[in-house]
């Protein structure tokens, strides 16, 4: 399914290099906007607003950007997103500007819908192995997610591959069509191995050995 662009207003950024630490301490995230046919732009945005937009857009929904104090706008996709691994703070975002008339490539998430009768029959687990696929489309035709109906998996040995994904005619799959997306994992059955009489036989042998030693004495 396709969606309209997410809206955001950004501010021009004057602080560069190590000085951007001041911005981060003030809750502002530095942004790098770049793309074909344009000069890279240094921008910034309040972290709370930017995190909200990124959560909605992901990497497949275009972001409609206006720059404070400037006319015109840009259409862009989120690309590199840097987080602080210790504090979970947003550190930096790269936005790739796109031309609405030229195809772009994005990683589109796969969302499973429905219920697998094959998994339910054997109390198995649906294993979602591939979470995203590479898709090419015009910016405003890019699907923000691909819904895969697993109710067609009626047998325990059923699998779904990239070739089974319902892609709109306006988009092209770039990922390997044979790559596995979903499979059913059967429950593990604990095998109990029972060896009857082993301890008893060993005991008898011990007794025989003892009797032999006694007779030799």
C-alpha atoms as a PDB file:
ATOM      1  CA  UNK A   1       0.000   0.000   0.000  1.00  0.00           C
ATOM      2  CA  UNK A   2       1.195   3.505  -0.789  1.00  0.00           C
ATOM      3  CA  UNK A   3       0.906   6.569   1.421  1.00  0.00           C
ATOM      4  CA  UNK A   4       1.193  10.307   1.090  1.00  0.00           C
ATOM      5  CA  UNK A   5       4.405  12.000   2.128  1.00  0.00           C
ATOM      6  CA  UNK A   6       4.931  12.819   5.793  1.00  0.00           C
ATOM      7  CA  UNK A   7       5.284  16.546   6.452  1.00  0.00           C
ATOM      8  CA  UNK A   8       8.118  18.214   8.397  1.00  0.00           C
ATOM      9  CA  UNK A   9       9.641  21.683   8.651  1.00  0.00           C
ATOM     10  CA  UNK A  10      13.414  21.940   9.156  1.00  0.00           C
ATOM     11  CA  UNK A  11      15.670  24.837  10.094  1.00  0.00           C
ATOM     12  CA  UNK A  12      18.960  25.805   8.412  1.00  0.00           C
ATOM     13  CA  UNK A  13      21.962  24.766  10.523  1.00  0.00           C
ATOM     14  CA  UNK A  14      24.930  27.024  11.216  1.00  0.00           C
ATOM     15  CA  UNK A  15      26.886  24.909  13.697  1.00  0.00           C
ATOM     16  CA  UNK A  16      29.134  22.304  12.068  1.00  0.00           C
ATOM     17  CA  UNK A  17      31.672  19.683  13.089  1.00  0.00           C
ATOM     18  CA  UNK A  18      32.262  19.201  16.797  1.00  0.00           C
ATOM     19  CA  UNK A  19      30.051  22.199  17.577  1.00  0.00           C
ATOM     20  CA  UNK A  20      26.928  20.163  16.815  1.00  0.00           C
ATOM     21  CA  UNK A  21      27.316  18.738  20.310  1.00  0.00           C
ATOM     22  CA  UNK A  22      25.726  21.966  21.540  1.00  0.00           C
ATOM     23  CA  UNK A  23      22.683  21.239  19.415  1.00  0.00           C
ATOM     24  CA  UNK A  24      22.319  17.710  20.726  1.00  0.00           C
ATOM     25  CA  UNK A  25      22.538  18.898  24.328  1.00  0.00           C
ATOM     26  CA  UNK A  26      19.683  21.283  23.518  1.00  0.00           C
ATOM     27  CA  UNK A  27      17.542  18.459  22.090  1.00  0.00           C
ATOM     28  CA  UNK A  28      18.218  19.335  18.453  1.00  0.00           C
ATOM     29  CA  UNK A  29      19.349  16.808  15.822  1.00  0.00           C
ATOM     30  CA  UNK A  30      21.686  17.740  12.937  1.00  0.00           C
ATOM     31  CA  UNK A  31      20.440  16.671   9.501  1.00  0.00           C
ATOM     32  CA  UNK A  32      22.235  16.241   6.183  1.00  0.00           C
ATOM     33  CA  UNK A  33      20.034  16.649   3.092  1.00  0.00           C
ATOM     34  CA  UNK A  34      21.621  15.576  -0.185  1.00  0.00           C
ATOM     35  CA  UNK A  35      20.657  14.270  -3.587  1.00  0.00           C
ATOM     36  CA  UNK A  36      21.270  14.408  -7.333  1.00  0.00           C
ATOM     37  CA  UNK A  37      21.308  17.877  -8.841  1.00  0.00           C
ATOM     38  CA  UNK A  38      21.410  19.796  -5.556  1.00  0.00           C
ATOM     39  CA  UNK A  39      23.955  21.219  -3.156  1.00  0.00           C
ATOM     40  CA  UNK A  40      24.025  19.324   0.162  1.00  0.00           C
ATOM     41  CA  UNK A  41      22.221  21.181   2.925  1.00  0.00           C
ATOM     42  CA  UNK A  42      23.024  21.343   6.645  1.00  0.00           C
ATOM     43  CA  UNK A  43      19.730  21.385   8.543  1.00  0.00           C
ATOM     44  CA  UNK A  44      18.384  20.714  12.023  1.00  0.00           C
ATOM     45  CA  UNK A  45      15.193  19.774  13.842  1.00  0.00           C
ATOM     46  CA  UNK A  46      13.861  19.217  17.346  1.00  0.00           C
ATOM     47  CA  UNK A  47      14.596  15.600  18.283  1.00  0.00           C
ATOM     48  CA  UNK A  48      11.059  14.837  19.486  1.00  0.00           C
ATOM     49  CA  UNK A  49       9.470  15.935  16.213  1.00  0.00           C
ATOM     50  CA  UNK A  50      12.066  14.206  14.049  1.00  0.00           C
ATOM     51  CA  UNK A  51      11.734  10.916  15.935  1.00  0.00           C
ATOM     52  CA  UNK A  52       7.978  11.062  15.434  1.00  0.00           C
ATOM     53  CA  UNK A  53       8.364  11.599  11.686  1.00  0.00           C
ATOM     54  CA  UNK A  54      10.953   8.831  11.312  1.00  0.00           C
ATOM     55  CA  UNK A  55       8.746   6.386  13.209  1.00  0.00           C
ATOM     56  CA  UNK A  56       5.926   7.098  10.762  1.00  0.00           C
ATOM     57  CA  UNK A  57       7.962   7.245   7.564  1.00  0.00           C
ATOM     58  CA  UNK A  58      10.552   4.532   8.114  1.00  0.00           C
ATOM     59  CA  UNK A  59      12.746   4.174   5.054  1.00  0.00           C
ATOM     60  CA  UNK A  60      10.013   3.688   2.466  1.00  0.00           C
ATOM     61  CA  UNK A  61       7.638   6.626   2.957  1.00  0.00           C
ATOM     62  CA  UNK A  62       8.712   9.940   1.401  1.00  0.00           C
ATOM     63  CA  UNK A  63       9.120  12.945   3.686  1.00  0.00           C
ATOM     64  CA  UNK A  64       7.826  16.286   2.408  1.00  0.00           C
ATOM     65  CA  UNK A  65      10.349  18.882   3.654  1.00  0.00           C
ATOM     66  CA  UNK A  66       9.987  22.624   3.922  1.00  0.00           C
ATOM     67  CA  UNK A  67      12.874  24.757   5.172  1.00  0.00           C
ATOM     68  CA  UNK A  68      12.100  27.604   7.518  1.00  0.00           C
ATOM     69  CA  UNK A  69      12.592  30.985   5.835  1.00  0.00           C
ATOM     70  CA  UNK A  70      12.828  29.526   2.323  1.00  0.00           C
ATOM     71  CA  UNK A  71      10.368  29.024  -0.495  1.00  0.00           C
ATOM     72  CA  UNK A  72       9.953  25.696  -2.226  1.00  0.00           C
ATOM     73  CA  UNK A  73      10.155  22.208  -0.779  1.00  0.00           C
ATOM     74  CA  UNK A  74      11.938  18.879  -1.073  1.00  0.00           C
ATOM     75  CA  UNK A  75      10.824  15.268  -1.176  1.00  0.00           C
ATOM     76  CA  UNK A  76      13.246  12.938   0.597  1.00  0.00           C
ATOM     77  CA  UNK A  77      13.700   9.492   2.114  1.00  0.00           C
ATOM     78  CA  UNK A  78      15.375   8.720   5.437  1.00  0.00           C
ATOM     79  CA  UNK A  79      18.650   6.932   4.849  1.00  0.00           C
ATOM     80  CA  UNK A  80      21.384   6.773   7.502  1.00  0.00           C
ATOM     81  CA  UNK A  81      20.056   7.237  11.040  1.00  0.00           C
ATOM     82  CA  UNK A  82      22.557   7.352  13.910  1.00  0.00           C
ATOM     83  CA  UNK A  83      21.587   6.605  17.518  1.00  0.00           C
ATOM     84  CA  UNK A  84      23.577   6.780  20.734  1.00  0.00           C
ATOM     85  CA  UNK A  85      23.771   3.102  21.795  1.00  0.00           C
ATOM     86  CA  UNK A  86      24.148   3.981  25.467  1.00  0.00           C
ATOM     87  CA  UNK A  87      21.497   6.662  25.890  1.00  0.00           C
ATOM     88  CA  UNK A  88      19.276   5.777  22.912  1.00  0.00           C
ATOM     89  CA  UNK A  89      19.396   9.401  21.730  1.00  0.00           C
ATOM     90  CA  UNK A  90      19.021  10.344  18.067  1.00  0.00           C
ATOM     91  CA  UNK A  91      22.376  11.754  16.933  1.00  0.00           C
ATOM     92  CA  UNK A  92      22.207  12.411  13.194  1.00  0.00           C
ATOM     93  CA  UNK A  93      20.003  11.785  10.156  1.00  0.00           C
ATOM     94  CA  UNK A  94      20.816  11.673   6.448  1.00  0.00           C
ATOM     95  CA  UNK A  95      17.947  12.471   4.083  1.00  0.00           C
ATOM     96  CA  UNK A  96      18.145  11.592   0.393  1.00  0.00           C
ATOM     97  CA  UNK A  97      16.272  14.072  -1.797  1.00  0.00           C
ATOM     98  CA  UNK A  98      14.267  12.483  -4.604  1.00  0.00           C
ATOM     99  CA  UNK A  99      12.861  13.632  -7.925  1.00  0.00           C
ATOM    100  CA  UNK A 100       9.182  12.689  -8.167  1.00  0.00           C
ATOM    101  CA  UNK A 101       9.685  11.710 -11.818  1.00  0.00           C
ATOM    102  CA  UNK A 102      12.636   9.352 -11.200  1.00  0.00           C
ATOM    103  CA  UNK A 103      12.482   5.886  -9.615  1.00  0.00           C
ATOM    104  CA  UNK A 104      14.142   5.372  -6.239  1.00  0.00           C
ATOM    105  CA  UNK A 105      15.029   2.254  -4.263  1.00  0.00           C
ATOM    106  CA  UNK A 106      13.893   1.623  -0.702  1.00  0.00           C
ATOM    107  CA  UNK A 107      13.742  -1.209   1.816  1.00  0.00           C
ATOM    108  CA  UNK A 108      10.057  -1.908   2.348  1.00  0.00           C
ATOM    109  CA  UNK A 109       8.902  -3.812   5.463  1.00  0.00           C
ATOM    110  CA  UNK A 110       6.893  -7.035   5.122  1.00  0.00           C
ATOM    111  CA  UNK A 111       3.869  -7.331   7.430  1.00  0.00           C
ATOM    112  CA  UNK A 112       2.207 -10.716   7.981  1.00  0.00           C
ATOM    113  CA  UNK A 113      -1.596 -10.823   8.124  1.00  0.00           C
ATOM    114  CA  UNK A 114      -4.043 -13.664   8.664  1.00  0.00           C
ATOM    115  CA  UNK A 115      -3.529 -17.019  10.367  1.00  0.00           C
ATOM    116  CA  UNK A 116      -1.849 -20.147   9.042  1.00  0.00           C
ATOM    117  CA  UNK A 117      -3.993 -23.286   9.259  1.00  0.00           C
ATOM    118  CA  UNK A 118      -0.889 -25.356   8.621  1.00  0.00           C
ATOM    119  CA  UNK A 119       0.803 -23.972  11.722  1.00  0.00           C
ATOM    120  CA  UNK A 120      -2.329 -24.328  13.850  1.00  0.00           C
ATOM    121  CA  UNK A 121      -2.870 -27.964  12.837  1.00  0.00           C
ATOM    122  CA  UNK A 122       0.501 -29.113  14.170  1.00  0.00           C
ATOM    123  CA  UNK A 123       0.867 -26.449  16.901  1.00  0.00           C
ATOM    124  CA  UNK A 124       3.771 -25.076  14.878  1.00  0.00           C
ATOM    125  CA  UNK A 125       5.311 -21.611  14.871  1.00  0.00           C
ATOM    126  CA  UNK A 126       5.193 -19.199  11.941  1.00  0.00           C
ATOM    127  CA  UNK A 127       8.793 -18.090  11.362  1.00  0.00           C
ATOM    128  CA  UNK A 128       9.059 -14.645   9.740  1.00  0.00           C
ATOM    129  CA  UNK A 129      12.556 -14.916   8.290  1.00  0.00           C
ATOM    130  CA  UNK A 130      12.741 -11.967   5.879  1.00  0.00           C
ATOM    131  CA  UNK A 131      11.536  -8.630   7.256  1.00  0.00           C
ATOM    132  CA  UNK A 132      12.226  -6.227   4.364  1.00  0.00           C
ATOM    133  CA  UNK A 133      12.670  -6.330   0.591  1.00  0.00           C
ATOM    134  CA  UNK A 134      14.294  -3.944  -1.862  1.00  0.00           C
ATOM    135  CA  UNK A 135      11.715  -2.211  -4.037  1.00  0.00           C
ATOM    136  CA  UNK A 136      12.075   0.292  -6.867  1.00  0.00           C
ATOM    137  CA  UNK A 137       9.307   2.776  -7.647  1.00  0.00           C
ATOM    138  CA  UNK A 138       8.575   6.440  -8.176  1.00  0.00           C
ATOM    139  CA  UNK A 139       8.792   8.285  -4.829  1.00  0.00           C
ATOM    140  CA  UNK A 140       5.053   8.819  -4.491  1.00  0.00           C
ATOM    141  CA  UNK A 141       4.288   5.261  -5.665  1.00  0.00           C
ATOM    142  CA  UNK A 142       6.582   3.533  -3.174  1.00  0.00           C
ATOM    143  CA  UNK A 143       4.627   1.129  -0.923  1.00  0.00           C
ATOM    144  CA  UNK A 144       5.208   1.916   2.747  1.00  0.00           C
ATOM    145  CA  UNK A 145       4.715  -1.772   3.591  1.00  0.00           C
ATOM    146  CA  UNK A 146       3.813  -5.063   1.925  1.00  0.00           C
ATOM    147  CA  UNK A 147       1.102  -7.198   3.530  1.00  0.00           C
ATOM    148  CA  UNK A 148       1.569 -10.947   3.093  1.00  0.00           C
ATOM    149  CA  UNK A 149      -1.465 -13.136   3.820  1.00  0.00           C
ATOM    150  CA  UNK A 150      -0.286 -16.311   5.561  1.00  0.00           C
ATOM    151  CA  UNK A 151      -3.753 -17.902   5.595  1.00  0.00           C
ATOM    152  CA  UNK A 152      -2.742 -19.570   2.310  1.00  0.00           C
ATOM    153  CA  UNK A 153      -0.254 -21.681   4.290  1.00  0.00           C
ATOM    154  CA  UNK A 154      -2.636 -24.611   4.806  1.00  0.00           C
ATOM    155  CA  UNK A 155      -0.028 -27.375   5.097  1.00  0.00           C
ATOM    156  CA  UNK A 156       2.735 -27.682   7.728  1.00  0.00           C
ATOM    157  CA  UNK A 157       5.361 -27.780   4.973  1.00  0.00           C
ATOM    158  CA  UNK A 158       4.074 -24.590   3.318  1.00  0.00           C
ATOM    159  CA  UNK A 159       6.529 -21.768   2.634  1.00  0.00           C
ATOM    160  CA  UNK A 160       6.201 -18.292   1.139  1.00  0.00           C
ATOM    161  CA  UNK A 161       8.963 -16.639  -0.860  1.00  0.00           C
ATOM    162  CA  UNK A 162       9.681 -13.159  -2.165  1.00  0.00           C
ATOM    163  CA  UNK A 163       7.952 -14.140  -5.408  1.00  0.00           C
ATOM    164  CA  UNK A 164       4.709 -14.564  -3.410  1.00  0.00           C
ATOM    165  CA  UNK A 165       4.658 -10.946  -2.231  1.00  0.00           C
ATOM    166  CA  UNK A 166       1.764  -8.870  -3.626  1.00  0.00           C
ATOM    167  CA  UNK A 167       3.599  -5.981  -5.283  1.00  0.00           C
ATOM    168  CA  UNK A 168       1.677  -3.134  -6.959  1.00  0.00           C
ATOM    169  CA  UNK A 169       2.144  -2.790 -10.704  1.00  0.00           C
ATOM    170  CA  UNK A 170       3.843   0.568 -10.168  1.00  0.00           C
ATOM    171  CA  UNK A 171       6.711  -1.036  -8.210  1.00  0.00           C
ATOM    172  CA  UNK A 172       9.466  -3.541  -8.993  1.00  0.00           C
ATOM    173  CA  UNK A 173      10.992  -6.110  -6.654  1.00  0.00           C
ATOM    174  CA  UNK A 174      14.794  -6.078  -6.627  1.00  0.00           C
ATOM    175  CA  UNK A 175      15.346  -8.790  -4.001  1.00  0.00           C
ATOM    176  CA  UNK A 176      15.983 -12.447  -4.854  1.00  0.00           C
ATOM    177  CA  UNK A 177      12.586 -13.904  -5.771  1.00  0.00           C
ATOM    178  CA  UNK A 178      13.524 -17.303  -4.336  1.00  0.00           C
ATOM    179  CA  UNK A 179      14.471 -15.958  -0.914  1.00  0.00           C
ATOM    180  CA  UNK A 180      12.386 -17.433   1.906  1.00  0.00           C
ATOM    181  CA  UNK A 181      10.029 -15.043   3.699  1.00  0.00           C
ATOM    182  CA  UNK A 182       7.900 -17.307   5.910  1.00  0.00           C
ATOM    183  CA  UNK A 183       8.020 -20.946   6.947  1.00  0.00           C
ATOM    184  CA  UNK A 184       6.412 -23.128   9.614  1.00  0.00           C
ATOM    185  CA  UNK A 185       8.599 -24.568  12.346  1.00  0.00           C
ATOM    186  CA  UNK A 186       7.290 -27.831  13.737  1.00  0.00           C
ATOM    187  CA  UNK A 187       7.289 -28.340  17.522  1.00  0.00           C
ATOM    188  CA  UNK A 188      10.215 -30.277  18.890  1.00  0.00           C
ATOM    189  CA  UNK A 189       9.354 -33.669  20.384  1.00  0.00           C
ATOM    190  CA  UNK A 190      11.609 -34.845  23.208  1.00  0.00           C
ATOM    191  CA  UNK A 191      12.862 -38.338  22.505  1.00  0.00           C
ATOM    192  CA  UNK A 192      13.173 -40.536  25.575  1.00  0.00           C
ATOM    193  CA  UNK A 193      15.560 -43.439  25.163  1.00  0.00           C
ATOM    194  CA  UNK A 194      14.834 -46.210  27.655  1.00  0.00           C
ATOM    195  CA  UNK A 195      17.454 -48.936  28.042  1.00  0.00           C
ATOM    196  CA  UNK A 196      15.952 -51.781  29.984  1.00  0.00           C
ATOM    197  CA  UNK A 197      17.987 -53.996  32.223  1.00  0.00           C
ATOM    198  CA  UNK A 198      21.344 -52.286  31.660  1.00  0.00           C
ATOM    199  CA  UNK A 199      21.970 -51.589  35.318  1.00  0.00           C
ATOM    200  CA  UNK A 200      20.797 -55.083  36.286  1.00  0.00           C
ATOM    201  CA  UNK A 201      23.142 -56.740  33.788  1.00  0.00           C
ATOM    202  CA  UNK A 202      26.062 -54.682  35.043  1.00  0.00           C
ATOM    203  CA  UNK A 203      25.200 -55.694  38.610  1.00  0.00           C
ATOM    204  CA  UNK A 204      25.115 -59.376  37.678  1.00  0.00           C
ATOM    205  CA  UNK A 205      28.486 -59.113  35.965  1.00  0.00           C
ATOM    206  CA  UNK A 206      29.899 -57.493  39.062  1.00  0.00           C
ATOM    207  CA  UNK A 207      28.593 -60.298  41.231  1.00  0.00           C
ATOM    208  CA  UNK A 208      30.027 -62.933  38.901  1.00  0.00           C
ATOM    209  CA  UNK A 209      33.381 -61.229  38.916  1.00  0.00           C
ATOM    210  CA  UNK A 210      33.338 -61.129  42.705  1.00  0.00           C
ATOM    211  CA  UNK A 211      32.494 -64.847  42.926  1.00  0.00           C
ATOM    212  CA  UNK A 212      35.346 -65.710  40.561  1.00  0.00           C
ATOM    213  CA  UNK A 213      37.814 -63.739  42.606  1.00  0.00           C
ATOM    214  CA  UNK A 214      36.612 -65.474  45.797  1.00  0.00           C
ATOM    215  CA  UNK A 215      36.992 -68.935  44.256  1.00  0.00           C
ATOM    216  CA  UNK A 216      40.515 -68.146  43.116  1.00  0.00           C
ATOM    217  CA  UNK A 217      41.434 -67.236  46.650  1.00  0.00           C
END
